[in-house]
Amino acid sequence: MKLAFVIPWFGPDIPGGAEAECFHTARHLHEAGVPVEVLTTCIQEFRSDWSINARPRGSETIQGMTVRRFPVAPRDTDAFNQINARLMNRIPITAEEETVFLREMIRCDELIAWIERHQDDYVFLFIPYMFTTTYRGVLAAPNRSVLVPCLHDESYAYLGIYRPMFAQAQGIVLHTPAELSLAQQLYTLRDGAARLLGEGVHTHFVADPARFKRTYRLDRFLLYAGRKDAGKNVPLLVDYFCRYKALFPGELQLVLLGDGSVSIPAGHEHDVIDLGFVPVQDKYDAYAAALALCQPSLHESFSLVIMESWLAERPVLVHERCQVTRDHCLASNGGLFFDSFTDFVGCLEYLQEHVRQACRLGQNGRRYVLANYTWDRIVKKYLHALHGWGFDW
């Protein structure tokens, strides 16, 4: 029996939380001796046109794993975009519109047909929950399916069309107690299906804060790392920071790393520095050099960047209304949280005025990551869970 991860797009070059999790989980299970393959489409990545086959169809080998790519068919992009815009603005849609939403998201009949033909030979791990490849794939082979939903408290999670998928999956992998609680609140799950496994984190990097400051000519800064878009609440972070600088015009800057763009208010070009993508070692160095990492997102199922900041022994600052990241801070005593501009100001002032306490928060966070999210630990949890769901090699 083989293990097959199913994801809309795949590759070591693709950024994103679920995409990175899929790649690294598949790689570590493969290195542990599990026969692993990946089933995906020919779409380039999340920000690409989901109607275009940018990557060649067929099989290739990536780091020892067979990756099978299936072509997508034309879709009604306008119909999808209209419904998706309503969901993004939390406007209710009808059951018929839910069907259109999934049908016109990604059309990849060949991938689903392959799953149906080979379900006796594979266990399929589908990630994340909301894409058509996951929805149709789970329902095509529910008894052979493990769902890794990366579930957020967002409008998509409340769609009725997803309920049968969660109800029928043989196994469900959750990252945090908050994600598990949300899944149990929204869906009826099979007995024994839900397992709290967490996510693996690369823990062996060494960060050099002085090198980052020297390379980028920066000194005192708050850091954000990740996609720079409204879904990650980055505009709020930029707004709060610029308002903070209007009150406290010192040397502290906000440094942004990652894909996307964000509008920087006039007059604050020196306060907010957007470095875009940087080499991964530079990212690690940035964590260690920062006053703290700020993760303002309201919708996280785990948050890898928080774990990386803690491994670099720096504290984090998160939004109080994201239960997942707030719970990480409470469980680790590794960070602070805010729910207003006044809170944000207070947190920044505390971190700057209490240097030893800030360092201690970062050290607490590092201990938390090493105790819970090393790859050795996560691989063992996966193997134990797969055995519990009735899958063995």
Protein backbone atom coordinates (compact mmCIF):
# COMPACT_ATOMS: atom_id res chain seq x y z
CA MET A 1 0.00 0.00 0.00
CA LYS A 2 1.16 3.52 -0.83
CA LEU A 3 0.42 6.96 0.58
CA ALA A 4 -0.65 9.64 -1.89
CA PHE A 5 -0.94 13.32 -0.99
CA VAL A 6 -3.53 15.16 -3.07
CA ILE A 7 -3.17 18.93 -3.45
CA PRO A 8 -4.16 21.39 -6.22
CA TRP A 9 -0.54 22.45 -6.91
CA PHE A 10 2.74 21.05 -5.68
CA GLY A 11 6.46 21.75 -5.65
CA PRO A 12 9.34 22.83 -3.42
CA ASP A 13 9.20 26.25 -5.11
CA ILE A 14 5.59 27.03 -4.13
CA PRO A 15 5.04 29.32 -1.11
CA GLY A 16 2.11 28.96 1.25
CA GLY A 17 1.15 27.26 4.47
CA ALA A 18 -0.71 24.19 3.20
CA GLU A 19 1.62 23.87 0.20
CA ALA A 20 4.73 23.87 2.38
CA GLU A 21 3.13 21.53 4.89
CA CYS A 22 2.23 19.05 2.14
CA PHE A 23 5.72 19.08 0.63
CA HIS A 24 7.58 18.69 3.92
CA THR A 25 5.20 16.13 5.43
CA ALA A 26 5.38 13.99 2.28
CA ARG A 27 9.18 14.29 2.22
CA HIS A 28 9.65 13.33 5.87
CA LEU A 29 7.30 10.36 5.62
CA HIS A 30 9.16 9.25 2.49
CA GLU A 31 12.49 9.54 4.33
CA ALA A 32 11.00 7.45 7.15
CA GLY A 33 10.46 4.60 4.68
CA VAL A 34 6.79 5.15 3.79
CA PRO A 35 6.04 4.74 0.04
CA VAL A 36 4.80 8.26 -0.82
CA GLU A 37 3.47 9.79 -4.03
CA VAL A 38 1.81 13.11 -4.82
CA LEU A 39 -1.24 13.68 -7.03
CA THR A 40 -1.76 17.22 -8.26
CA THR A 41 -2.87 19.33 -11.20
CA CYS A 42 -0.88 21.13 -13.88
CA ILE A 43 -1.73 24.52 -12.34
CA GLN A 44 1.40 26.49 -11.48
CA GLU A 45 0.42 27.70 -7.99
CA PHE A 46 -2.29 29.46 -5.95
CA ARG A 47 -1.94 32.89 -7.57
CA SER A 48 -1.99 31.46 -11.11
CA ASP A 49 -4.96 31.14 -13.47
CA TRP A 50 -6.66 27.91 -12.38
CA SER A 51 -7.73 27.23 -15.98
CA ILE A 52 -4.19 27.08 -17.39
CA ASN A 53 -2.01 23.96 -17.49
CA ALA A 54 1.30 25.69 -16.82
CA ARG A 55 3.18 22.56 -15.74
CA PRO A 56 3.52 19.49 -18.01
CA ARG A 57 1.14 16.60 -17.47
CA GLY A 58 2.49 13.20 -16.49
CA SER A 59 4.91 11.94 -13.86
CA GLU A 60 8.16 13.32 -12.50
CA THR A 61 10.35 12.55 -9.51
CA ILE A 62 10.93 15.21 -6.86
CA GLN A 63 13.30 14.35 -4.00
CA GLY A 64 12.66 10.65 -4.55
CA MET A 65 8.86 10.94 -4.66
CA THR A 66 6.70 10.27 -7.74
CA VAL A 67 4.58 13.31 -8.55
CA ARG A 68 1.68 12.77 -10.97
CA ARG A 69 0.23 15.87 -12.63
CA PHE A 70 -3.22 15.91 -14.25
CA PRO A 71 -4.51 18.60 -16.65
CA VAL A 72 -7.34 20.95 -15.75
CA ALA A 73 -10.25 21.75 -18.07
CA PRO A 74 -11.80 25.16 -18.89
CA ARG A 75 -14.15 26.55 -16.25
CA ASP A 76 -16.56 29.45 -15.80
CA THR A 77 -14.18 31.82 -14.06
CA ASP A 78 -16.68 34.68 -13.85
CA ALA A 79 -19.29 32.50 -12.13
CA PHE A 80 -16.71 31.33 -9.60
CA ASN A 81 -15.34 34.82 -8.96
CA GLN A 82 -18.80 36.31 -8.38
CA ILE A 83 -19.68 33.70 -5.75
CA ASN A 84 -16.22 33.77 -4.20
CA ALA A 85 -16.41 37.55 -3.80
CA ARG A 86 -19.61 37.13 -1.82
CA LEU A 87 -18.03 34.50 0.40
CA MET A 88 -14.99 36.68 1.01
CA ASN A 89 -17.34 39.40 2.21
CA ARG A 90 -19.34 36.91 4.31
CA ILE A 91 -22.49 37.31 2.20
CA PRO A 92 -24.65 34.14 2.34
CA ILE A 93 -25.01 32.04 -0.80
CA THR A 94 -27.57 29.41 -1.80
CA ALA A 95 -27.03 25.65 -1.97
CA GLU A 96 -27.11 25.91 -5.77
CA GLU A 97 -24.41 28.57 -5.66
CA GLU A 98 -22.31 26.32 -3.42
CA THR A 99 -22.45 23.67 -6.15
CA VAL A 100 -21.41 26.19 -8.80
CA PHE A 101 -18.60 27.46 -6.55
CA LEU A 102 -17.00 24.01 -6.28
CA ARG A 103 -17.71 22.97 -9.89
CA GLU A 104 -16.15 26.09 -11.37
CA MET A 105 -13.20 26.31 -8.96
CA ILE A 106 -10.94 23.61 -10.43
CA ARG A 107 -12.01 21.07 -13.05
CA CYS A 108 -9.72 18.04 -13.02
CA ASP A 109 -11.78 14.97 -13.88
CA GLU A 110 -8.69 12.91 -14.76
CA LEU A 111 -7.32 13.23 -11.23
CA ILE A 112 -10.60 12.09 -9.66
CA ALA A 113 -10.90 9.19 -12.12
CA TRP A 114 -7.34 8.10 -11.22
CA ILE A 115 -8.26 8.06 -7.52
CA GLU A 116 -11.36 5.96 -8.23
CA ARG A 117 -9.34 3.43 -10.26
CA HIS A 118 -6.49 3.07 -7.75
CA GLN A 119 -8.23 3.37 -4.40
CA ASP A 120 -7.48 -0.23 -3.41
CA ASP A 121 -3.74 0.45 -3.63
CA TYR A 122 -3.45 3.83 -1.87
CA VAL A 123 -4.35 5.83 1.19
CA PHE A 124 -5.05 9.40 0.05
CA LEU A 125 -4.23 12.46 2.16
CA PHE A 126 -6.13 15.52 0.93
CA ILE A 127 -4.93 19.04 1.80
CA PRO A 128 -6.43 21.62 2.33
CA TYR A 129 -10.21 21.23 2.71
CA MET A 130 -11.77 23.85 0.45
CA PHE A 131 -10.54 22.90 -3.04
CA THR A 132 -12.44 20.79 -5.58
CA THR A 133 -9.61 18.23 -5.71
CA THR A 134 -10.18 17.56 -2.00
CA TYR A 135 -13.97 17.65 -2.07
CA ARG A 136 -14.42 15.31 -5.04
CA GLY A 137 -11.45 13.15 -4.10
CA VAL A 138 -12.66 12.38 -0.58
CA LEU A 139 -16.15 11.54 -1.82
CA ALA A 140 -14.69 9.32 -4.55
CA ALA A 141 -12.88 7.10 -2.00
CA PRO A 142 -14.02 8.00 1.52
CA ASN A 143 -12.82 4.80 3.18
CA ARG A 144 -9.33 5.41 1.82
CA SER A 145 -9.25 9.13 2.59
CA VAL A 146 -7.50 11.19 5.25
CA LEU A 147 -8.42 14.87 5.31
CA VAL A 148 -5.83 17.48 6.37
CA PRO A 149 -8.20 20.45 6.28
CA CYS A 150 -6.08 23.37 7.58
CA LEU A 151 -9.42 24.62 8.84
CA HIS A 152 -10.03 28.29 9.65
CA ASP A 153 -13.03 30.07 11.15
CA GLU A 154 -13.98 31.58 7.78
CA SER A 155 -17.07 31.74 5.57
CA TYR A 156 -16.02 28.76 3.42
CA ALA A 157 -15.96 26.46 6.45
CA TYR A 158 -19.68 27.06 7.04
CA LEU A 159 -20.81 25.90 3.57
CA GLY A 160 -23.16 22.96 3.79
CA ILE A 161 -21.62 21.27 0.77
CA TYR A 162 -18.49 20.38 2.77
CA ARG A 163 -20.36 18.50 5.51
CA PRO A 164 -20.51 15.10 3.72
CA MET A 165 -16.77 15.30 3.02
CA PHE A 166 -15.94 15.75 6.72
CA ALA A 167 -18.53 13.14 7.73
CA GLN A 168 -17.22 10.44 5.39
CA ALA A 169 -13.42 10.83 5.59
CA GLN A 170 -11.82 7.87 7.36
CA GLY A 171 -9.32 10.15 9.09
CA ILE A 172 -8.94 13.87 9.80
CA VAL A 173 -5.64 15.50 10.80
CA LEU A 174 -5.93 18.61 12.99
CA HIS A 175 -3.08 20.89 13.99
CA THR A 176 -4.29 22.56 17.19
CA PRO A 177 -6.98 22.14 19.85
CA ALA A 178 -8.74 25.22 18.45
CA GLU A 179 -8.91 23.69 14.97
CA LEU A 180 -10.19 20.41 16.43
CA SER A 181 -12.87 22.28 18.39
CA LEU A 182 -13.98 24.15 15.27
CA ALA A 183 -14.23 20.93 13.24
CA GLN A 184 -16.33 19.29 15.94
CA GLN A 185 -18.54 22.37 16.13
CA LEU A 186 -19.19 22.60 12.39
CA TYR A 187 -19.35 18.98 11.26
CA THR A 188 -20.44 15.49 12.22
CA LEU A 189 -17.30 13.34 12.15
CA ARG A 190 -16.81 9.59 12.09
CA ASP A 191 -16.01 8.09 15.48
CA GLY A 192 -12.25 8.10 15.89
CA ALA A 193 -11.68 10.08 12.70
CA ALA A 194 -10.30 13.28 14.22
CA ARG A 195 -6.71 13.17 15.48
CA LEU A 196 -4.69 16.05 16.88
CA LEU A 197 -1.25 15.65 15.26
CA GLY A 198 0.16 19.15 14.84
CA GLU A 199 2.60 20.09 12.10
CA GLY A 200 6.30 19.50 11.72
CA VAL A 201 8.82 22.34 11.89
CA HIS A 202 12.43 22.47 10.68
CA THR A 203 14.25 23.03 13.95
CA HIS A 204 17.95 22.86 13.02
CA PHE A 205 18.57 26.25 11.43
CA VAL A 206 21.07 28.71 12.91
CA ALA A 207 20.20 32.41 12.70
CA ASP A 208 22.59 35.36 12.69
CA PRO A 209 20.86 38.65 13.63
CA ALA A 210 23.93 40.81 13.01
CA ARG A 211 24.26 39.45 9.47
CA PHE A 212 20.68 40.45 8.63
CA LYS A 213 21.10 43.94 10.04
CA ARG A 214 24.35 44.38 8.16
CA THR A 215 23.03 43.02 4.86
CA TYR A 216 19.85 45.10 4.79
CA ARG A 217 21.12 48.11 6.76
CA LEU A 218 18.39 47.79 9.36
CA ASP A 219 18.56 48.04 13.12
CA ARG A 220 15.41 48.09 15.27
CA PHE A 221 12.32 46.60 13.66
CA LEU A 222 9.10 44.65 14.06
CA LEU A 223 8.85 41.79 11.54
CA TYR A 224 6.03 40.35 9.43
CA ALA A 225 6.67 37.25 7.29
CA GLY A 226 4.09 35.78 4.93
CA ARG A 227 1.62 36.73 2.21
CA LYS A 228 0.94 40.45 2.21
CA ASP A 229 -2.80 40.56 1.63
CA ALA A 230 -6.05 41.43 3.36
CA GLY A 231 -6.71 37.79 4.21
CA LYS A 232 -3.66 37.87 6.48
CA ASN A 233 -4.75 41.21 8.03
CA VAL A 234 -1.57 42.92 6.84
CA PRO A 235 -3.31 46.23 5.98
CA LEU A 236 -4.37 46.47 9.63
CA LEU A 237 -0.80 45.88 10.78
CA VAL A 238 0.53 48.58 8.47
CA ASP A 239 -2.18 51.00 9.58
CA TYR A 240 -1.54 50.35 13.27
CA PHE A 241 2.21 50.66 12.87
CA CYS A 242 2.00 53.96 10.97
CA ARG A 243 -0.37 55.34 13.60
CA TYR A 244 2.08 54.18 16.26
CA LYS A 245 4.95 55.99 14.52
CA ALA A 246 2.87 59.18 14.43
CA LEU A 247 2.73 59.00 18.22
CA PHE A 248 6.25 57.64 18.80
CA PRO A 249 8.53 58.82 15.99
CA GLY A 250 11.58 56.82 17.12
CA GLU A 251 13.80 54.50 15.09
CA LEU A 252 11.59 51.40 15.17
CA GLN A 253 10.60 50.18 11.69
CA LEU A 254 8.22 47.55 10.34
CA VAL A 255 9.86 45.05 7.95
CA LEU A 256 7.69 42.96 5.63
CA LEU A 257 8.86 39.69 4.03
CA GLY A 258 6.98 37.55 1.51
CA ASP A 259 4.75 37.56 -1.56
CA GLY A 260 2.19 40.19 -2.50
CA SER A 261 2.04 43.91 -1.97
CA VAL A 262 0.50 46.36 0.46
CA SER A 263 -0.15 50.08 0.30
CA ILE A 264 2.19 52.14 2.47
CA PRO A 265 0.73 55.49 3.58
CA ALA A 266 2.46 58.58 2.24
CA GLY A 267 5.12 59.87 4.58
CA HIS A 268 5.81 56.44 6.06
CA GLU A 269 8.08 55.04 3.36
CA HIS A 270 10.99 54.98 5.83
CA ASP A 271 8.87 53.42 8.58
CA VAL A 272 7.59 50.40 6.59
CA ILE A 273 10.20 48.46 4.58
CA ASP A 274 8.90 45.83 2.14
CA LEU A 275 11.74 43.45 1.25
CA GLY A 276 9.57 40.97 -0.70
CA PHE A 277 11.02 37.47 -1.02
CA VAL A 278 14.42 36.96 0.57
CA PRO A 279 16.62 33.82 0.74
CA VAL A 280 15.46 31.41 3.43
CA GLN A 281 18.59 31.96 5.53
CA ASP A 282 17.94 35.70 5.45
CA LYS A 283 14.42 35.00 6.73
CA TYR A 284 15.83 33.02 9.65
CA ASP A 285 18.30 35.80 10.36
CA ALA A 286 15.45 38.33 10.26
CA TYR A 287 13.54 36.45 12.96
CA ALA A 288 16.55 36.58 15.26
CA ALA A 289 17.18 40.27 14.55
CA ALA A 290 13.61 41.47 15.11
CA LEU A 291 12.07 43.01 18.20
CA ALA A 292 9.31 40.45 17.63
CA LEU A 293 7.38 38.75 14.85
CA CYS A 294 3.86 40.14 14.41
CA GLN A 295 1.29 37.66 13.06
CA PRO A 296 -1.94 39.73 12.75
CA SER A 297 -3.97 37.10 10.85
CA LEU A 298 -7.38 36.15 12.18
CA HIS A 299 -7.49 32.86 10.25
CA GLU A 300 -4.72 30.40 11.05
CA SER A 301 -4.78 26.66 11.61
CA PHE A 302 -1.16 26.50 12.85
CA SER A 303 1.19 29.36 11.76
CA LEU A 304 4.64 28.13 10.83
CA VAL A 305 6.18 31.60 11.01
CA ILE A 306 5.35 31.81 14.71
CA MET A 307 7.22 28.56 15.31
CA GLU A 308 10.22 29.76 13.31
CA SER A 309 10.37 33.03 15.25
CA TRP A 310 10.34 31.09 18.50
CA LEU A 311 13.12 28.79 17.27
CA ALA A 312 15.14 31.98 16.74
CA GLU A 313 14.25 32.85 20.37
CA ARG A 314 12.22 35.95 19.56
CA PRO A 315 8.72 36.65 20.94
CA VAL A 316 5.60 36.97 18.83
CA LEU A 317 2.71 39.41 18.76
CA VAL A 318 -0.63 38.03 17.54
CA HIS A 319 -4.24 39.10 17.18
CA GLU A 320 -6.34 38.20 20.19
CA ARG A 321 -9.29 37.14 18.01
CA CYS A 322 -7.33 34.35 16.32
CA GLN A 323 -7.85 31.52 18.78
CA VAL A 324 -5.12 29.33 17.28
CA THR A 325 -2.29 31.85 17.59
CA ARG A 326 -3.54 33.19 20.92
CA ASP A 327 -3.64 29.65 22.31
CA HIS A 328 -0.05 29.07 21.12
CA CYS A 329 1.01 32.15 23.07
CA LEU A 330 -0.84 31.07 26.20
CA ALA A 331 0.41 27.47 26.04
CA SER A 332 4.03 28.53 25.53
CA ASN A 333 4.13 31.86 27.38
CA GLY A 334 5.99 32.97 24.27
CA GLY A 335 4.15 36.06 23.11
CA LEU A 336 1.61 38.83 23.52
CA PHE A 337 -1.70 39.56 21.80
CA PHE A 338 -3.73 42.65 20.88
CA ASP A 339 -7.32 43.42 19.93
CA SER A 340 -7.13 47.17 19.42
CA PHE A 341 -4.71 49.92 18.50
CA THR A 342 -4.28 50.75 22.18
CA ASP A 343 -3.33 47.12 22.88
CA PHE A 344 -0.90 47.17 19.95
CA VAL A 345 0.84 50.27 21.27
CA GLY A 346 1.07 48.79 24.75
CA CYS A 347 2.61 45.57 23.44
CA LEU A 348 5.26 47.38 21.40
CA GLU A 349 6.17 49.60 24.32
CA TYR A 350 6.39 46.63 26.69
CA LEU A 351 8.67 44.66 24.33
CA GLN A 352 11.00 47.64 23.91
CA GLU A 353 11.11 48.57 27.58
CA HIS A 354 11.46 45.04 28.98
CA VAL A 355 14.30 43.51 26.99
CA ARG A 356 14.98 40.60 29.35
CA GLN A 357 11.33 39.64 29.56
CA ALA A 358 11.05 39.77 25.77
CA CYS A 359 14.03 37.44 25.44
CA ARG A 360 12.50 35.11 28.00
CA LEU A 361 9.28 34.96 25.95
CA GLY A 362 11.30 33.91 22.92
CA GLN A 363 13.12 31.25 24.90
CA ASN A 364 9.83 29.92 26.24
CA GLY A 365 8.56 29.69 22.67
CA ARG A 366 11.59 27.72 21.54
CA ARG A 367 11.08 25.15 24.31
CA TYR A 368 7.42 24.84 23.28
CA VAL A 369 8.28 24.12 19.62
CA LEU A 370 10.96 21.57 20.48
CA ALA A 371 8.61 19.79 22.87
CA ASN A 372 5.75 19.50 20.40
CA TYR A 373 6.59 19.99 16.72
CA THR A 374 9.86 18.32 15.73
CA TRP A 375 9.61 16.22 12.58
CA ASP A 376 10.55 13.00 14.41
CA ARG A 377 7.59 13.51 16.71
CA ILE A 378 5.17 14.42 13.90
CA VAL A 379 6.16 11.44 11.71
CA LYS A 380 5.57 9.07 14.65
CA LYS A 381 2.16 10.66 15.23
CA TYR A 382 1.22 10.21 11.57
CA LEU A 383 2.23 6.55 11.57
CA HIS A 384 0.31 5.93 14.79
CA ALA A 385 -2.78 7.71 13.44
CA LEU A 386 -2.68 5.83 10.14
CA HIS A 387 -2.54 2.55 12.08
CA GLY A 388 -5.50 3.69 14.18
CA TRP A 389 -7.52 4.36 11.03
CA GLY A 390 -6.79 0.84 9.81
CA PHE A 391 -3.95 1.62 7.39
CA ASP A 392 -0.67 -0.27 7.69
CA TRP A 393 2.36 -0.99 5.53
